[in-house]
Structure formats: C-alpha cells, structure tokens
Amino acid sequence: MNYPIPDSPQEIFALRQQPIDEELVASAIAGVIKIVRAQGQSLEELTAQLLAEDPLLDQQQRRWLSQLVAQSWEKFS
C-alpha cells in the first residue's frame, strides 16, 4: 500500500491533499477503524455514525460505506 494507515484524525484529514484512489480510500477506512477502536467504540457505534444523516452522502451511499467498513472491521479483528 502506498499510504500508511493513519493514527489520528489529523492524519486522515491530511489525506485530502492526495489524489483519490482505491489505496487512499482503504488507508482512510483502516485509519478510522484503528482510531475508533483505540477510543473504545464498537462497530455498532461506528455504523450508527456512518448511517446518520449527512449532506455529503445519500442514504444508499452511507449504507454501502457502512457495509464496507463492517467487512473491513472483521478483517482487522
């Protein structure tokens, strides 16, 4: 992978400066999972946050993203 897994929200935010590709998205998802787990949150809590109303993504996109994150969460277990 060309991008290290972010350790902080600031590092995830810094990824915005990179061109978007599959590896960048994978790195961002892995970073979110790493940070959320370090904060003691569960997959259910993260899923609830992902499914919450958001002006950036529509409901179908949020559902798709939450499923992708859940699959990734299991891989990191």
N, C-alpha and C. Protein backbone atom coordinates (compact mmCIF):
# COMPACT_ATOMS: atom_id res chain seq x y z
N MET A 1 0.84 -1.16 0.00
CA MET A 1 0.00 0.00 0.00
C MET A 1 0.90 1.24 0.00
N ASN A 2 0.52 2.23 -0.79
CA ASN A 2 1.32 3.45 -0.90
C ASN A 2 1.12 4.42 0.26
N TYR A 3 0.06 4.24 1.02
CA TYR A 3 -0.25 5.15 2.11
C TYR A 3 -0.21 4.39 3.43
N PRO A 4 0.45 4.96 4.45
CA PRO A 4 0.41 4.31 5.76
C PRO A 4 -0.97 4.47 6.38
N ILE A 5 -1.30 3.59 7.30
CA ILE A 5 -2.58 3.70 8.00
C ILE A 5 -2.49 4.87 8.97
N PRO A 6 -3.39 5.82 8.86
CA PRO A 6 -3.36 7.00 9.74
C PRO A 6 -3.58 6.61 11.20
N ASP A 7 -2.90 7.36 12.09
CA ASP A 7 -3.02 7.12 13.53
C ASP A 7 -3.86 8.18 14.23
N SER A 8 -4.27 9.22 13.51
CA SER A 8 -5.01 10.29 14.15
C SER A 8 -5.98 10.91 13.15
N PRO A 9 -6.98 11.62 13.68
CA PRO A 9 -7.90 12.32 12.78
C PRO A 9 -7.16 13.34 11.90
N GLN A 10 -6.11 13.95 12.43
CA GLN A 10 -5.34 14.92 11.66
C GLN A 10 -4.68 14.24 10.46
N GLU A 11 -4.15 13.03 10.64
CA GLU A 11 -3.53 12.31 9.54
C GLU A 11 -4.57 11.91 8.50
N ILE A 12 -5.77 11.55 8.94
CA ILE A 12 -6.83 11.23 7.99
C ILE A 12 -7.21 12.49 7.21
N PHE A 13 -7.34 13.61 7.91
CA PHE A 13 -7.66 14.87 7.25
C PHE A 13 -6.59 15.25 6.23
N ALA A 14 -5.33 14.97 6.54
CA ALA A 14 -4.23 15.29 5.62
C ALA A 14 -4.31 14.49 4.33
N LEU A 15 -4.97 13.34 4.37
CA LEU A 15 -5.11 12.54 3.15
C LEU A 15 -5.89 13.28 2.07
N ARG A 16 -6.64 14.29 2.44
CA ARG A 16 -7.42 15.06 1.47
C ARG A 16 -6.53 15.73 0.43
N GLN A 17 -5.25 15.88 0.75
CA GLN A 17 -4.32 16.53 -0.17
C GLN A 17 -3.84 15.58 -1.26
N GLN A 18 -4.13 14.29 -1.11
CA GLN A 18 -3.68 13.28 -2.07
C GLN A 18 -4.74 13.04 -3.14
N PRO A 19 -4.30 12.59 -4.32
CA PRO A 19 -5.30 12.19 -5.32
C PRO A 19 -6.06 10.96 -4.84
N ILE A 20 -7.35 10.93 -5.08
CA ILE A 20 -8.18 9.82 -4.60
C ILE A 20 -7.99 8.60 -5.48
N ASP A 21 -7.69 7.48 -4.83
CA ASP A 21 -7.64 6.19 -5.50
C ASP A 21 -8.05 5.13 -4.48
N GLU A 22 -8.10 3.89 -4.92
CA GLU A 22 -8.56 2.80 -4.05
C GLU A 22 -7.70 2.65 -2.81
N GLU A 23 -6.39 2.83 -2.96
CA GLU A 23 -5.49 2.66 -1.82
C GLU A 23 -5.67 3.77 -0.78
N LEU A 24 -5.94 4.97 -1.26
CA LEU A 24 -6.18 6.08 -0.34
C LEU A 24 -7.45 5.83 0.47
N VAL A 25 -8.50 5.38 -0.19
CA VAL A 25 -9.76 5.09 0.49
C VAL A 25 -9.55 3.96 1.50
N ALA A 26 -8.84 2.91 1.10
CA ALA A 26 -8.57 1.79 2.01
C ALA A 26 -7.78 2.26 3.23
N SER A 27 -6.80 3.12 3.00
CA SER A 27 -6.00 3.65 4.10
C SER A 27 -6.85 4.49 5.05
N ALA A 28 -7.73 5.31 4.50
CA ALA A 28 -8.61 6.14 5.34
C ALA A 28 -9.55 5.27 6.16
N ILE A 29 -10.14 4.25 5.54
CA ILE A 29 -11.05 3.36 6.28
C ILE A 29 -10.29 2.63 7.38
N ALA A 30 -9.11 2.12 7.07
CA ALA A 30 -8.30 1.43 8.08
C ALA A 30 -7.95 2.37 9.22
N GLY A 31 -7.64 3.63 8.90
CA GLY A 31 -7.32 4.61 9.93
C GLY A 31 -8.51 4.91 10.83
N VAL A 32 -9.67 5.05 10.24
CA VAL A 32 -10.88 5.30 11.04
C VAL A 32 -11.13 4.13 11.98
N ILE A 33 -11.03 2.92 11.47
CA ILE A 33 -11.24 1.74 12.32
C ILE A 33 -10.22 1.71 13.45
N LYS A 34 -8.97 1.98 13.13
CA LYS A 34 -7.91 1.97 14.15
C LYS A 34 -8.19 3.01 15.24
N ILE A 35 -8.58 4.21 14.84
CA ILE A 35 -8.84 5.29 15.80
C ILE A 35 -10.08 4.99 16.64
N VAL A 36 -11.14 4.53 16.00
CA VAL A 36 -12.38 4.23 16.72
C VAL A 36 -12.14 3.13 17.75
N ARG A 37 -11.41 2.11 17.37
CA ARG A 37 -11.12 1.04 18.33
C ARG A 37 -10.28 1.54 19.49
N ALA A 38 -9.30 2.40 19.20
CA ALA A 38 -8.44 2.95 20.26
C ALA A 38 -9.26 3.79 21.23
N GLN A 39 -10.36 4.37 20.75
CA GLN A 39 -11.24 5.16 21.61
C GLN A 39 -12.25 4.29 22.35
N GLY A 40 -12.20 2.98 22.10
CA GLY A 40 -13.09 2.06 22.80
C GLY A 40 -14.49 1.97 22.21
N GLN A 41 -14.68 2.50 21.01
CA GLN A 41 -16.00 2.42 20.38
C GLN A 41 -16.18 1.07 19.71
N SER A 42 -17.42 0.69 19.52
CA SER A 42 -17.76 -0.58 18.89
C SER A 42 -18.09 -0.36 17.41
N LEU A 43 -18.17 -1.46 16.69
CA LEU A 43 -18.59 -1.41 15.30
C LEU A 43 -20.00 -0.84 15.20
N GLU A 44 -20.86 -1.18 16.14
CA GLU A 44 -22.23 -0.68 16.13
C GLU A 44 -22.27 0.84 16.28
N GLU A 45 -21.43 1.38 17.13
CA GLU A 45 -21.37 2.83 17.31
C GLU A 45 -20.87 3.51 16.03
N LEU A 46 -19.84 2.94 15.42
CA LEU A 46 -19.31 3.49 14.18
C LEU A 46 -20.36 3.41 13.07
N THR A 47 -21.05 2.29 12.98
CA THR A 47 -22.08 2.12 11.97
C THR A 47 -23.19 3.17 12.15
N ALA A 48 -23.58 3.41 13.37
CA ALA A 48 -24.60 4.42 13.64
C ALA A 48 -24.14 5.80 13.17
N GLN A 49 -22.88 6.10 13.38
CA GLN A 49 -22.34 7.39 12.93
C GLN A 49 -22.34 7.47 11.40
N LEU A 50 -21.98 6.38 10.76
CA LEU A 50 -21.94 6.35 9.30
C LEU A 50 -23.32 6.48 8.68
N LEU A 51 -24.32 5.91 9.35
CA LEU A 51 -25.68 5.93 8.81
C LEU A 51 -26.44 7.20 9.16
N ALA A 52 -25.88 8.04 10.00
CA ALA A 52 -26.54 9.29 10.39
C ALA A 52 -26.65 10.21 9.17
N GLU A 53 -27.68 11.04 9.17
CA GLU A 53 -27.89 11.98 8.07
C GLU A 53 -26.61 12.78 7.82
N ASP A 54 -26.30 12.96 6.55
CA ASP A 54 -25.09 13.66 6.17
C ASP A 54 -25.31 14.31 4.81
N PRO A 55 -24.93 15.56 4.65
CA PRO A 55 -25.16 16.22 3.36
C PRO A 55 -24.20 15.75 2.26
N LEU A 56 -23.12 15.09 2.64
CA LEU A 56 -22.12 14.65 1.65
C LEU A 56 -22.54 13.39 0.92
N LEU A 57 -23.13 12.43 1.65
CA LEU A 57 -23.52 11.15 1.06
C LEU A 57 -25.02 10.94 1.19
N ASP A 58 -25.61 10.32 0.19
CA ASP A 58 -27.03 9.99 0.31
C ASP A 58 -27.18 8.69 1.11
N GLN A 59 -28.42 8.32 1.38
CA GLN A 59 -28.68 7.16 2.24
C GLN A 59 -28.07 5.88 1.67
N GLN A 60 -28.20 5.65 0.38
CA GLN A 60 -27.66 4.45 -0.24
C GLN A 60 -26.13 4.42 -0.13
N GLN A 61 -25.48 5.53 -0.34
CA GLN A 61 -24.03 5.60 -0.22
C GLN A 61 -23.59 5.36 1.22
N ARG A 62 -24.34 5.92 2.18
CA ARG A 62 -23.99 5.70 3.59
C ARG A 62 -24.14 4.23 3.96
N ARG A 63 -25.18 3.58 3.44
CA ARG A 63 -25.39 2.15 3.70
C ARG A 63 -24.25 1.32 3.12
N TRP A 64 -23.88 1.64 1.87
CA TRP A 64 -22.77 0.94 1.20
C TRP A 64 -21.48 1.12 2.00
N LEU A 65 -21.19 2.35 2.42
CA LEU A 65 -19.98 2.63 3.18
C LEU A 65 -19.98 1.88 4.52
N SER A 66 -21.12 1.84 5.19
CA SER A 66 -21.18 1.14 6.47
C SER A 66 -20.95 -0.36 6.30
N GLN A 67 -21.43 -0.93 5.20
CA GLN A 67 -21.17 -2.35 4.93
C GLN A 67 -19.70 -2.59 4.64
N LEU A 68 -19.08 -1.69 3.89
CA LEU A 68 -17.65 -1.81 3.60
C LEU A 68 -16.82 -1.71 4.86
N VAL A 69 -17.17 -0.77 5.73
CA VAL A 69 -16.46 -0.60 7.00
C VAL A 69 -16.65 -1.84 7.88
N ALA A 70 -17.86 -2.40 7.91
CA ALA A 70 -18.10 -3.60 8.72
C ALA A 70 -17.25 -4.77 8.23
N GLN A 71 -17.13 -4.94 6.92
CA GLN A 71 -16.29 -6.00 6.37
C GLN A 71 -14.83 -5.76 6.73
N SER A 72 -14.40 -4.51 6.64
CA SER A 72 -13.02 -4.18 6.97
C SER A 72 -12.75 -4.38 8.46
N TRP A 73 -13.73 -4.04 9.29
CA TRP A 73 -13.60 -4.21 10.74
C TRP A 73 -13.32 -5.67 11.06
N GLU A 74 -14.04 -6.56 10.42
CA GLU A 74 -13.88 -8.00 10.64
C GLU A 74 -12.48 -8.46 10.22
N LYS A 75 -11.96 -7.90 9.13
CA LYS A 75 -10.62 -8.27 8.66
C LYS A 75 -9.54 -7.85 9.64
N PHE A 76 -9.78 -6.76 10.37
CA PHE A 76 -8.80 -6.27 11.34
C PHE A 76 -8.95 -6.92 12.70
N SER A 77 -9.93 -7.80 12.85
CA SER A 77 -10.16 -8.45 14.15
C SER A 77 -9.12 -9.51 14.43
